[in-house]
Amino acid sequence: MITLNRKLKKEPSDTNTNSITSEPTRRISVRDKLLVKEVQEMNENLPVTCSVHFEDPNVLSDFILTVTPDEGYWLGGKFKFSIHVTDDYNMAPPKVKCLTRLWHPNINVDGDICLSLLRQTSIDEHGWAPTRRLKDVVWGLNSLFTDLLNFEDPLNIEAAEMYNKNKTEFQTKVQEYIAKNKR
């Protein structure tokens, strides 16, 4: 899968320094060098409820994360997130969007996600830092369905209010969305 690693290690085949090659030498970006290591580390440390899919195995900066919660309100659902690692990674967090419509206090109907880790700056001091890795993003998204679920600071206010007023109605609404996604 990680063919970029081969590209990084590949030596020029022409040992004659006087000849001019027809292909210009392409510089490998810092982001791409980091991604080779981080994608491998991420795959080795995936939660059992997550899987990763690369449309193009040569493009490590774009992939789909699928989270299948094994407990809680979203049990039985399958939620997909697109993750794009920008050129300014690791100084800036990846861009993440939820592709699956769901009823969640921290994910709105447009797929925007409220997770401190995905913010450049955060008032709770848990925002992005250059020491963060892709595996942290995966674990953070996975935790939105368990321990990082936050009804106190919601992005989807309607979902949070419903939870606070009537947990049974909230559970029913969550299951309706899950059923719609299975069709």
Protein backbone atom coordinates (compact mmCIF):
# COMPACT_ATOMS: atom_id res chain seq x y z
CA MET A 1 0.00 0.00 0.00
CA ILE A 2 2.70 2.48 0.85
CA THR A 3 4.27 2.95 -2.54
CA LEU A 4 5.47 6.44 -1.68
CA ASN A 5 8.07 4.84 0.58
CA ARG A 6 9.56 3.17 -2.49
CA LYS A 7 9.62 6.51 -4.28
CA LEU A 8 11.55 8.07 -1.41
CA LYS A 9 14.16 5.31 -1.44
CA LYS A 10 14.45 5.08 -5.23
CA GLU A 11 17.84 6.10 -6.56
CA PRO A 12 18.32 7.56 -10.04
CA SER A 13 19.02 4.73 -12.47
CA ASP A 14 21.41 6.73 -14.63
CA THR A 15 24.87 6.85 -13.08
CA ASN A 16 26.30 9.01 -15.84
CA THR A 17 26.28 12.54 -14.40
CA ASN A 18 26.99 14.14 -17.79
CA SER A 19 23.72 13.03 -19.34
CA ILE A 20 20.57 15.08 -19.10
CA THR A 21 17.50 13.24 -17.93
CA SER A 22 14.18 13.90 -19.58
CA GLU A 23 12.29 13.73 -16.27
CA PRO A 24 12.87 16.49 -13.72
CA THR A 25 13.65 15.35 -10.21
CA ARG A 26 10.57 15.75 -8.05
CA ARG A 27 11.12 16.93 -4.53
CA ILE A 28 9.25 15.01 -1.88
CA SER A 29 7.39 17.32 0.48
CA VAL A 30 7.79 17.22 4.24
CA ARG A 31 4.11 16.28 4.45
CA ASP A 32 4.60 13.25 2.20
CA LYS A 33 7.64 12.10 4.18
CA LEU A 34 5.64 12.35 7.40
CA LEU A 35 2.66 10.56 5.87
CA VAL A 36 4.69 7.50 4.91
CA LYS A 37 5.53 6.90 8.57
CA GLU A 38 2.23 8.09 10.01
CA VAL A 39 -0.03 6.06 7.73
CA GLN A 40 1.85 2.92 8.65
CA GLU A 41 1.67 3.81 12.36
CA MET A 42 -2.03 4.65 12.04
CA ASN A 43 -2.79 1.31 10.38
CA GLU A 44 -0.90 -0.57 13.09
CA ASN A 45 -2.86 1.22 15.85
CA LEU A 46 -6.40 1.35 14.45
CA PRO A 47 -9.20 0.82 16.95
CA VAL A 48 -11.11 -2.39 16.26
CA THR A 49 -14.14 -0.25 15.34
CA CYS A 50 -12.28 1.58 12.54
CA SER A 51 -11.05 0.87 9.05
CA VAL A 52 -9.21 3.02 6.53
CA HIS A 53 -9.54 3.01 2.75
CA PHE A 54 -7.29 4.79 0.24
CA GLU A 55 -8.91 5.35 -3.18
CA ASP A 56 -5.40 5.71 -4.62
CA PRO A 57 -2.66 3.92 -2.66
CA ASN A 58 -0.14 6.43 -4.07
CA VAL A 59 -1.99 9.37 -2.50
CA LEU A 60 -1.61 9.10 1.25
CA SER A 61 -3.05 12.56 1.88
CA ASP A 62 -6.66 11.55 1.09
CA PHE A 63 -8.49 8.64 2.64
CA ILE A 64 -11.80 7.47 4.07
CA LEU A 65 -12.14 6.43 7.69
CA THR A 66 -15.08 4.18 8.58
CA VAL A 67 -16.18 4.01 12.22
CA THR A 68 -18.50 1.18 13.27
CA PRO A 69 -19.29 1.75 16.98
CA ASP A 70 -19.57 -1.40 19.08
CA GLU A 71 -21.40 0.27 21.97
CA GLY A 72 -23.58 3.25 22.83
CA TYR A 73 -26.29 5.10 20.95
CA TRP A 74 -24.72 4.56 17.51
CA LEU A 75 -24.28 0.78 17.87
CA GLY A 76 -25.14 -0.82 14.53
CA GLY A 77 -24.21 2.24 12.49
CA LYS A 78 -21.41 2.70 9.99
CA PHE A 79 -20.05 6.23 9.66
CA LYS A 80 -17.65 7.44 6.99
CA PHE A 81 -15.30 10.41 7.29
CA SER A 82 -13.20 11.91 4.52
CA ILE A 83 -9.77 12.98 5.70
CA HIS A 84 -7.57 15.29 3.67
CA VAL A 85 -4.09 16.08 4.89
CA THR A 86 -3.21 19.56 3.65
CA ASP A 87 0.18 20.72 2.39
CA ASP A 88 0.84 22.58 5.66
CA TYR A 89 0.53 19.39 7.74
CA ASN A 90 1.75 18.91 10.54
CA MET A 91 1.57 22.56 11.45
CA ALA A 92 -2.17 22.46 10.68
CA PRO A 93 -4.68 19.68 11.31
CA PRO A 94 -6.14 17.55 8.53
CA LYS A 95 -9.50 18.58 7.06
CA VAL A 96 -12.19 16.12 8.12
CA LYS A 97 -15.79 15.86 6.99
CA CYS A 98 -18.44 13.34 8.00
CA LEU A 99 -19.89 11.80 4.83
CA THR A 100 -22.68 9.91 6.60
CA ARG A 101 -25.79 11.75 7.75
CA LEU A 102 -26.34 11.07 11.43
CA TRP A 103 -27.99 12.49 14.52
CA HIS A 104 -25.14 13.56 16.79
CA PRO A 105 -24.56 16.57 19.05
CA ASN A 106 -20.99 17.07 17.81
CA ILE A 107 -21.59 16.52 14.07
CA ASN A 108 -24.02 18.68 12.14
CA VAL A 109 -26.13 17.81 9.10
CA ASP A 110 -23.49 19.32 6.77
CA GLY A 111 -20.86 16.90 8.10
CA ASP A 112 -18.93 19.49 10.09
CA ILE A 113 -17.34 18.10 13.24
CA CYS A 114 -16.84 19.68 16.64
CA LEU A 115 -13.65 18.10 17.96
CA SER A 116 -10.95 20.21 19.62
CA LEU A 117 -8.21 18.13 18.05
CA LEU A 118 -9.29 19.29 14.58
CA ARG A 119 -8.99 23.00 15.41
CA GLN A 120 -5.84 25.02 14.87
CA THR A 121 -6.56 26.83 18.12
CA SER A 122 -8.81 25.70 20.91
CA ILE A 123 -9.90 27.34 24.14
CA ASP A 124 -9.66 24.01 26.00
CA GLU A 125 -5.96 23.59 25.12
CA HIS A 126 -6.68 20.30 23.35
CA GLY A 127 -6.42 21.73 19.84
CA TRP A 128 -4.02 20.75 17.12
CA ALA A 129 -0.28 20.75 17.82
CA PRO A 130 2.62 19.67 15.58
CA THR A 131 3.16 16.73 17.93
CA ARG A 132 -0.24 15.25 16.97
CA ARG A 133 -0.44 12.39 14.50
CA LEU A 134 -3.01 10.86 12.18
CA LYS A 135 -3.64 8.08 14.69
CA ASP A 136 -4.74 10.78 17.17
CA VAL A 137 -7.29 12.04 14.63
CA VAL A 138 -8.62 8.49 14.09
CA TRP A 139 -8.88 7.80 17.81
CA GLY A 140 -10.54 11.20 18.36
CA LEU A 141 -13.19 10.58 15.70
CA ASN A 142 -13.80 7.10 17.06
CA SER A 143 -14.20 8.53 20.58
CA LEU A 144 -16.94 10.91 19.42
CA PHE A 145 -19.20 7.87 19.67
CA THR A 146 -18.15 7.05 23.26
CA ASP A 147 -16.12 9.05 25.77
CA LEU A 148 -15.63 12.31 23.80
CA LEU A 149 -19.34 12.67 23.16
CA ASN A 150 -20.16 16.18 24.38
CA PHE A 151 -23.72 17.36 24.97
CA GLU A 152 -22.55 20.48 26.83
CA ASP A 153 -20.83 22.19 23.88
CA PRO A 154 -22.80 20.92 20.85
CA LEU A 155 -22.49 21.74 17.19
CA ASN A 156 -25.93 20.25 16.56
CA ILE A 157 -27.88 22.10 19.26
CA GLU A 158 -31.16 20.41 18.38
CA ALA A 159 -29.68 16.94 18.97
CA ALA A 160 -28.20 18.00 22.32
CA GLU A 161 -31.48 19.58 23.47
CA MET A 162 -33.39 16.45 22.48
CA TYR A 163 -30.96 14.31 24.48
CA ASN A 164 -31.34 16.53 27.55
CA LYS A 165 -35.17 16.52 27.33
CA ASN A 166 -35.90 12.95 26.26
CA LYS A 167 -33.16 10.30 25.91
CA THR A 168 -35.62 7.77 24.48
CA GLU A 169 -36.63 10.16 21.69
CA PHE A 170 -32.95 10.89 21.06
CA GLN A 171 -32.18 7.16 20.78
CA THR A 172 -35.11 6.69 18.38
CA LYS A 173 -33.88 9.54 16.16
CA VAL A 174 -30.32 8.13 16.11
CA GLN A 175 -31.67 4.72 15.07
CA GLU A 176 -33.83 6.31 12.33
CA TYR A 177 -30.71 7.85 10.80
CA ILE A 178 -28.82 4.55 11.08
CA ALA A 179 -31.70 2.72 9.34
CA LYS A 180 -31.78 5.32 6.52
CA ASN A 181 -28.03 4.86 5.94
CA LYS A 182 -28.42 1.07 5.58
CA ARG A 183 -30.83 1.41 2.66
